[in-house]
C-alpha atoms as a PDB file:
ATOM      1  CA  MET A   1       2.707  22.465  -0.599  1.00  0.00           C
ATOM      2  CA  THR A   2       1.577  19.489  -2.710  1.00  0.00           C
ATOM      3  CA  ILE A   3      -1.306  17.446  -1.319  1.00  0.00           C
ATOM      4  CA  ALA A   4      -0.821  13.749  -2.027  1.00  0.00           C
ATOM      5  CA  LEU A   5      -4.098  12.590  -0.548  1.00  0.00           C
ATOM      6  CA  GLU A   6      -7.221  14.463   0.515  1.00  0.00           C
ATOM      7  CA  LEU A   7     -10.366  13.055   2.120  1.00  0.00           C
ATOM      8  CA  GLN A   8     -13.392  15.287   2.592  1.00  0.00           C
ATOM      9  CA  GLN A   9     -16.278  14.163   4.823  1.00  0.00           C
ATOM     10  CA  LEU A  10     -15.674  10.545   3.860  1.00  0.00           C
ATOM     11  CA  LYS A  11     -18.463   8.285   5.134  1.00  0.00           C
ATOM     12  CA  LYS A  12     -19.222   4.597   4.787  1.00  0.00           C
ATOM     13  CA  THR A  13     -22.274   2.762   6.078  1.00  0.00           C
ATOM     14  CA  TYR A  14     -22.527  -0.968   5.405  1.00  0.00           C
ATOM     15  CA  PRO A  15     -25.803  -2.873   4.930  1.00  0.00           C
ATOM     16  CA  GLY A  16     -27.561  -3.258   8.239  1.00  0.00           C
ATOM     17  CA  GLY A  17     -26.643   0.248   9.311  1.00  0.00           C
ATOM     18  CA  VAL A  18     -23.076  -0.484  10.426  1.00  0.00           C
ATOM     19  CA  GLN A  19     -21.289   2.872  10.247  1.00  0.00           C
ATOM     20  CA  ALA A  20     -17.612   2.261   9.499  1.00  0.00           C
ATOM     21  CA  LEU A  21     -16.617   5.862   8.714  1.00  0.00           C
ATOM     22  CA  ARG A  22     -18.398   8.854  10.167  1.00  0.00           C
ATOM     23  CA  GLY A  23     -17.009  11.723   8.125  1.00  0.00           C
ATOM     24  CA  ILE A  24     -13.226  11.819   7.755  1.00  0.00           C
ATOM     25  CA  ASP A  25     -11.461  15.038   6.780  1.00  0.00           C
ATOM     26  CA  LEU A  26      -7.790  14.468   6.065  1.00  0.00           C
ATOM     27  CA  GLN A  27      -4.961  16.079   4.107  1.00  0.00           C
ATOM     28  CA  VAL A  28      -1.637  14.320   3.628  1.00  0.00           C
ATOM     29  CA  GLU A  29       1.278  16.208   2.109  1.00  0.00           C
ATOM     30  CA  ALA A  30       3.570  14.704  -0.510  1.00  0.00           C
ATOM     31  CA  GLY A  31       6.659  13.279   1.160  1.00  0.00           C
ATOM     32  CA  ASP A  32       4.867  12.313   4.371  1.00  0.00           C
ATOM     33  CA  PHE A  33       4.958   8.860   5.962  1.00  0.00           C
ATOM     34  CA  TYR A  34       1.440   8.594   7.353  1.00  0.00           C
ATOM     35  CA  ALA A  35      -0.250   5.857   9.387  1.00  0.00           C
ATOM     36  CA  LEU A  36      -3.769   4.958  10.415  1.00  0.00           C
ATOM     37  CA  LEU A  37      -3.628   3.353  13.855  1.00  0.00           C
ATOM     38  CA  GLY A  38      -6.460   1.614  15.651  1.00  0.00           C
ATOM     39  CA  PRO A  39      -7.984  -1.690  16.785  1.00  0.00           C
ATOM     40  CA  ASN A  40      -9.809  -4.147  14.547  1.00  0.00           C
ATOM     41  CA  GLY A  41     -13.040  -2.644  13.268  1.00  0.00           C
ATOM     42  CA  ALA A  42     -11.841   0.954  13.529  1.00  0.00           C
ATOM     43  CA  GLY A  43     -12.258   1.548   9.792  1.00  0.00           C
ATOM     44  CA  LYS A  44      -8.637   1.421   8.631  1.00  0.00           C
ATOM     45  CA  SER A  45      -9.130  -1.174   5.911  1.00  0.00           C
ATOM     46  CA  THR A  46     -12.409   0.434   4.845  1.00  0.00           C
ATOM     47  CA  THR A  47     -10.602   3.752   4.363  1.00  0.00           C
ATOM     48  CA  ILE A  48      -7.839   2.105   2.350  1.00  0.00           C
ATOM     49  CA  GLY A  49     -10.438   0.177   0.341  1.00  0.00           C
ATOM     50  CA  ILE A  50     -12.221   3.392  -0.621  1.00  0.00           C
ATOM     51  CA  ILE A  51      -8.976   5.165  -1.552  1.00  0.00           C
ATOM     52  CA  SER A  52      -7.964   2.238  -3.759  1.00  0.00           C
ATOM     53  CA  SER A  53     -11.468   1.905  -5.336  1.00  0.00           C
ATOM     54  CA  LEU A  54     -12.102  -1.531  -3.841  1.00  0.00           C
ATOM     55  CA  VAL A  55     -14.903  -0.288  -1.572  1.00  0.00           C
ATOM     56  CA  ASN A  56     -17.695   2.109  -2.548  1.00  0.00           C
ATOM     57  CA  LYS A  57     -18.048   5.133  -0.286  1.00  0.00           C
ATOM     58  CA  THR A  58     -21.433   6.240   0.999  1.00  0.00           C
ATOM     59  CA  SER A  59     -20.559   9.907   0.583  1.00  0.00           C
ATOM     60  CA  GLY A  60     -17.627  12.301   0.603  1.00  0.00           C
ATOM     61  CA  ARG A  61     -14.716  13.007  -1.711  1.00  0.00           C
ATOM     62  CA  VAL A  62     -11.283  11.466  -2.301  1.00  0.00           C
ATOM     63  CA  SER A  63      -8.537  13.058  -4.396  1.00  0.00           C
ATOM     64  CA  VAL A  64      -5.034  11.788  -5.132  1.00  0.00           C
ATOM     65  CA  PHE A  65      -2.486  14.404  -6.195  1.00  0.00           C
ATOM     66  CA  GLY A  66      -5.401  16.587  -7.256  1.00  0.00           C
ATOM     67  CA  TYR A  67      -7.222  13.912  -9.276  1.00  0.00           C
ATOM     68  CA  ASP A  68     -10.766  13.266  -8.080  1.00  0.00           C
ATOM     69  CA  LEU A  69     -11.196   9.526  -7.536  1.00  0.00           C
ATOM     70  CA  GLU A  70     -14.762   9.636  -8.848  1.00  0.00           C
ATOM     71  CA  LYS A  71     -14.431  12.075 -11.753  1.00  0.00           C
ATOM     72  CA  ASP A  72     -10.918  11.155 -12.951  1.00  0.00           C
ATOM     73  CA  VAL A  73     -10.475   7.602 -11.723  1.00  0.00           C
ATOM     74  CA  VAL A  74      -7.871   6.539 -14.317  1.00  0.00           C
ATOM     75  CA  ASN A  75      -5.387   9.296 -13.492  1.00  0.00           C
ATOM     76  CA  ALA A  76      -6.081   9.000  -9.771  1.00  0.00           C
ATOM     77  CA  LYS A  77      -5.375   5.266  -9.756  1.00  0.00           C
ATOM     78  CA  ARG A  78      -2.160   5.715 -11.747  1.00  0.00           C
ATOM     79  CA  GLN A  79      -0.774   7.628  -8.760  1.00  0.00           C
ATOM     80  CA  LEU A  80      -1.535   4.730  -6.379  1.00  0.00           C
ATOM     81  CA  GLY A  81       0.288   1.547  -5.502  1.00  0.00           C
ATOM     82  CA  LEU A  82      -1.574  -0.822  -3.170  1.00  0.00           C
ATOM     83  CA  VAL A  83      -0.161  -3.542  -0.914  1.00  0.00           C
ATOM     84  CA  PRO A  84      -3.256  -5.309   0.477  1.00  0.00           C
ATOM     85  CA  GLN A  85      -3.273  -7.259   3.714  1.00  0.00           C
ATOM     86  CA  GLU A  86      -4.027 -10.615   2.059  1.00  0.00           C
ATOM     87  CA  PHE A  87      -1.779 -12.280  -0.515  1.00  0.00           C
ATOM     88  CA  ASN A  88      -3.663 -12.110  -3.826  1.00  0.00           C
ATOM     89  CA  PHE A  89      -1.150 -13.125  -6.488  1.00  0.00           C
ATOM     90  CA  ASN A  90      -1.183 -16.364  -8.501  1.00  0.00           C
ATOM     91  CA  PRO A  91       0.892 -18.781  -6.380  1.00  0.00           C
ATOM     92  CA  PHE A  92       1.801 -20.870  -9.437  1.00  0.00           C
ATOM     93  CA  GLU A  93       3.436 -17.989 -11.330  1.00  0.00           C
ATOM     94  CA  THR A  94       7.086 -17.181 -10.814  1.00  0.00           C
ATOM     95  CA  VAL A  95       8.127 -14.161  -8.797  1.00  0.00           C
ATOM     96  CA  GLN A  96       9.281 -12.271 -11.887  1.00  0.00           C
ATOM     97  CA  GLN A  97       6.150 -13.165 -13.875  1.00  0.00           C
ATOM     98  CA  ILE A  98       3.969 -11.700 -11.141  1.00  0.00           C
ATOM     99  CA  VAL A  99       5.660  -8.307 -11.096  1.00  0.00           C
ATOM    100  CA  VAL A 100       6.127  -8.061 -14.877  1.00  0.00           C
ATOM    101  CA  ASN A 101       2.459  -8.875 -15.508  1.00  0.00           C
ATOM    102  CA  GLN A 102       1.417  -6.255 -12.958  1.00  0.00           C
ATOM    103  CA  ALA A 103       3.337  -3.579 -14.859  1.00  0.00           C
ATOM    104  CA  GLY A 104       1.458  -4.513 -18.019  1.00  0.00           C
ATOM    105  CA  TYR A 105      -1.863  -3.622 -16.407  1.00  0.00           C
ATOM    106  CA  TYR A 106      -0.617  -0.023 -16.257  1.00  0.00           C
ATOM    107  CA  GLY A 107       0.645   0.105 -19.829  1.00  0.00           C
ATOM    108  CA  VAL A 108       4.333  -0.396 -19.047  1.00  0.00           C
ATOM    109  CA  GLU A 109       6.083  -1.941 -22.061  1.00  0.00           C
ATOM    110  CA  ARG A 110       7.386  -5.453 -21.457  1.00  0.00           C
ATOM    111  CA  LYS A 111      11.047  -4.558 -21.991  1.00  0.00           C
ATOM    112  CA  GLU A 112      10.769  -1.747 -19.444  1.00  0.00           C
ATOM    113  CA  ALA A 113       8.854  -4.056 -17.099  1.00  0.00           C
ATOM    114  CA  TYR A 114      11.763  -6.510 -17.033  1.00  0.00           C
ATOM    115  CA  ILE A 115      14.168  -3.665 -16.272  1.00  0.00           C
ATOM    116  CA  ARG A 116      11.979  -2.514 -13.400  1.00  0.00           C
ATOM    117  CA  SER A 117      11.515  -6.054 -12.139  1.00  0.00           C
ATOM    118  CA  GLU A 118      15.266  -6.431 -11.705  1.00  0.00           C
ATOM    119  CA  LYS A 119      15.454  -3.072  -9.934  1.00  0.00           C
ATOM    120  CA  TYR A 120      12.696  -3.737  -7.415  1.00  0.00           C
ATOM    121  CA  LEU A 121      13.335  -7.437  -6.850  1.00  0.00           C
ATOM    122  CA  LYS A 122      16.956  -6.637  -6.052  1.00  0.00           C
ATOM    123  CA  GLN A 123      15.877  -3.788  -3.808  1.00  0.00           C
ATOM    124  CA  LEU A 124      13.607  -6.174  -1.904  1.00  0.00           C
ATOM    125  CA  ASP A 125      16.163  -8.998  -1.839  1.00  0.00           C
ATOM    126  CA  LEU A 126      14.072 -11.262  -4.080  1.00  0.00           C
ATOM    127  CA  TRP A 127      16.161 -11.310  -7.249  1.00  0.00           C
ATOM    128  CA  GLY A 128      17.630 -14.701  -6.372  1.00  0.00           C
ATOM    129  CA  LYS A 129      14.086 -16.073  -6.156  1.00  0.00           C
ATOM    130  CA  ARG A 130      12.860 -14.576  -9.436  1.00  0.00           C
ATOM    131  CA  ASN A 131      12.383 -17.943 -11.175  1.00  0.00           C
ATOM    132  CA  GLU A 132      10.709 -19.678  -8.233  1.00  0.00           C
ATOM    133  CA  ARG A 133       6.964 -20.113  -8.024  1.00  0.00           C
ATOM    134  CA  ALA A 134       5.437 -17.754  -5.498  1.00  0.00           C
ATOM    135  CA  ARG A 135       3.906 -20.594  -3.466  1.00  0.00           C
ATOM    136  CA  MET A 136       7.421 -21.706  -2.501  1.00  0.00           C
ATOM    137  CA  LEU A 137       8.267 -18.402  -0.791  1.00  0.00           C
ATOM    138  CA  SER A 138       8.240 -17.838   2.951  1.00  0.00           C
ATOM    139  CA  GLY A 139       5.625 -15.518   4.453  1.00  0.00           C
ATOM    140  CA  GLY A 140       8.095 -12.655   4.680  1.00  0.00           C
ATOM    141  CA  MET A 141       9.188 -13.107   1.076  1.00  0.00           C
ATOM    142  CA  LYS A 142       5.568 -13.124  -0.072  1.00  0.00           C
ATOM    143  CA  ARG A 143       5.037  -9.852   1.782  1.00  0.00           C
ATOM    144  CA  ARG A 144       8.046  -8.321   0.006  1.00  0.00           C
ATOM    145  CA  LEU A 145       6.764  -9.647  -3.325  1.00  0.00           C
ATOM    146  CA  MET A 146       3.510  -7.776  -2.725  1.00  0.00           C
ATOM    147  CA  ILE A 147       5.495  -4.575  -2.210  1.00  0.00           C
ATOM    148  CA  ALA A 148       7.599  -5.130  -5.349  1.00  0.00           C
ATOM    149  CA  ARG A 149       4.443  -5.714  -7.378  1.00  0.00           C
ATOM    150  CA  ALA A 150       2.892  -2.471  -6.110  1.00  0.00           C
ATOM    151  CA  LEU A 151       5.993  -0.501  -7.131  1.00  0.00           C
ATOM    152  CA  MET A 152       6.132  -1.699 -10.736  1.00  0.00           C
ATOM    153  CA  HIS A 153       4.181   1.200 -12.253  1.00  0.00           C
ATOM    154  CA  GLU A 154       6.184   3.601 -10.032  1.00  0.00           C
ATOM    155  CA  PRO A 155       3.281   5.225  -8.167  1.00  0.00           C
ATOM    156  CA  LYS A 156       3.622   8.499  -6.300  1.00  0.00           C
ATOM    157  CA  LEU A 157       1.541   7.215  -3.380  1.00  0.00           C
ATOM    158  CA  LEU A 158       2.137   3.789  -1.862  1.00  0.00           C
ATOM    159  CA  ILE A 159      -0.632   2.374   0.343  1.00  0.00           C
ATOM    160  CA  LEU A 160       0.108  -0.556   2.640  1.00  0.00           C
ATOM    161  CA  ASP A 161      -2.537  -2.413   4.649  1.00  0.00           C
ATOM    162  CA  GLU A 162      -0.876  -4.208   7.605  1.00  0.00           C
ATOM    163  CA  PRO A 163       2.470  -4.448   5.751  1.00  0.00           C
ATOM    164  CA  THR A 164       4.266  -6.372   8.524  1.00  0.00           C
ATOM    165  CA  ALA A 165       1.428  -8.785   9.386  1.00  0.00           C
ATOM    166  CA  GLY A 166       2.652 -12.335   9.917  1.00  0.00           C
ATOM    167  CA  VAL A 167       6.378 -11.564   9.931  1.00  0.00           C
ATOM    168  CA  ASP A 168       8.798 -11.993  12.809  1.00  0.00           C
ATOM    169  CA  ILE A 169      10.286  -9.075  14.735  1.00  0.00           C
ATOM    170  CA  GLU A 170      13.648  -9.127  12.948  1.00  0.00           C
ATOM    171  CA  LEU A 171      12.050  -9.046   9.512  1.00  0.00           C
ATOM    172  CA  ARG A 172       9.655  -6.387  10.774  1.00  0.00           C
ATOM    173  CA  ARG A 173      12.601  -4.146  11.690  1.00  0.00           C
ATOM    174  CA  SER A 174      14.160  -4.805   8.299  1.00  0.00           C
ATOM    175  CA  MET A 175      10.947  -3.865   6.516  1.00  0.00           C
ATOM    176  CA  TRP A 176      10.582  -0.628   8.488  1.00  0.00           C
ATOM    177  CA  GLY A 177      14.089   0.252   7.350  1.00  0.00           C
ATOM    178  CA  LEU A 178      13.054  -0.510   3.788  1.00  0.00           C
ATOM    179  CA  PHE A 179       9.995   1.739   4.076  1.00  0.00           C
ATOM    180  CA  GLU A 180      12.141   4.523   5.485  1.00  0.00           C
ATOM    181  CA  GLY A 181      14.357   4.262   2.403  1.00  0.00           C
ATOM    182  CA  PHE A 182      11.349   4.373   0.076  1.00  0.00           C
ATOM    183  CA  LYS A 183      10.098   7.439   1.937  1.00  0.00           C
ATOM    184  CA  ARG A 184      12.778   9.483   0.199  1.00  0.00           C
ATOM    185  CA  GLN A 185      11.379   8.423  -3.184  1.00  0.00           C
ATOM    186  CA  ARG A 186       7.584   8.483  -2.749  1.00  0.00           C
ATOM    187  CA  HIS A 187       4.826   9.094  -0.229  1.00  0.00           C
ATOM    188  CA  HIS A 188       3.554   6.301   2.051  1.00  0.00           C
ATOM    189  CA  HIS A 189       0.220   5.773   3.746  1.00  0.00           C
ATOM    190  CA  HIS A 190      -0.394   2.633   5.750  1.00  0.00           C
ATOM    191  CA  SER A 191      -2.537   1.045   8.423  1.00  0.00           C
ATOM    192  CA  HIS A 192      -1.328  -0.782  11.498  1.00  0.00           C
ATOM    193  CA  HIS A 193      -2.881  -2.290  14.596  1.00  0.00           C
ATOM    194  CA  THR A 194      -0.096  -4.433  16.091  1.00  0.00           C
ATOM    195  CA  LEU A 195       1.999  -2.253  18.362  1.00  0.00           C
ATOM    196  CA  PRO A 196       3.839  -4.711  20.694  1.00  0.00           C
ATOM    197  CA  GLY A 197       7.569  -4.764  20.129  1.00  0.00           C
ATOM    198  CA  ARG A 198       7.772  -1.264  18.705  1.00  0.00           C
ATOM    199  CA  SER A 199      10.724   0.852  19.666  1.00  0.00           C
ATOM    200  CA  ARG A 200      12.404   3.977  18.386  1.00  0.00           C
ATOM    201  CA  ASN A 201      14.893   1.806  16.528  1.00  0.00           C
ATOM    202  CA  ALA A 202      12.266  -0.573  15.148  1.00  0.00           C
ATOM    203  CA  VAL A 203       9.948   1.771  13.255  1.00  0.00           C
ATOM    204  CA  PRO A 204      10.257   5.120  11.494  1.00  0.00           C
ATOM    205  CA  GLN A 205       8.662   8.240  12.865  1.00  0.00           C
ATOM    206  CA  TYR A 206       5.325   9.056  11.268  1.00  0.00           C
ATOM    207  CA  ARG A 207       2.132  10.987  11.820  1.00  0.00           C
ATOM    208  CA  HIS A 208      -0.963   9.003  12.669  1.00  0.00           C
ATOM    209  CA  TYR A 209      -4.692   9.483  12.339  1.00  0.00           C
ATOM    210  CA  SER A 210      -7.683   7.713  13.869  1.00  0.00           C
ATOM    211  CA  THR A 211     -10.661   6.949  11.625  1.00  0.00           C
ATOM    212  CA  ARG A 212     -13.099   7.427  14.497  1.00  0.00           C
END
């Protein structure tokens, strides 16, 4: 059994004494599709922020495919692909520029980055928009662009924070199908708090975990 993600007594207390995480112990196996479910303020985004090194933990340990996030941060982060909740790309760059530049941050050669950009933009139905500036995309297309960008260094663990936020129900179903397809290639971990409209045919089956 390969452990993709392990949290040991993970705690986070914000200034003012607000306790977001009270000691999470969690093991996620490679190949799992795992979700954190809960209302706003439950600690989902804090957990994802700590795993992706965007938030400092108060105490505890995080390891990704055996790499300690504190002691071996470079190798740990190479295993991770993050799709944050908010759009954070340059809206004036083209779709292809955004994903190619992202690959460069991980040392992917430019020629290989263009090959991967075609692969993932086609997979996410964005290839026809590759030369358009990102600000011209619809909300759903921007969400898919975020996913394509996260895949460019081909991480083993893909983390998605509210991946279907702001998209309509039909696109939501389409994206769940997309995630189910990716499940066969890499491990997924994501957070979700909007449950209305879910059905057996709308979302994949996954294990869930509460942060509190």
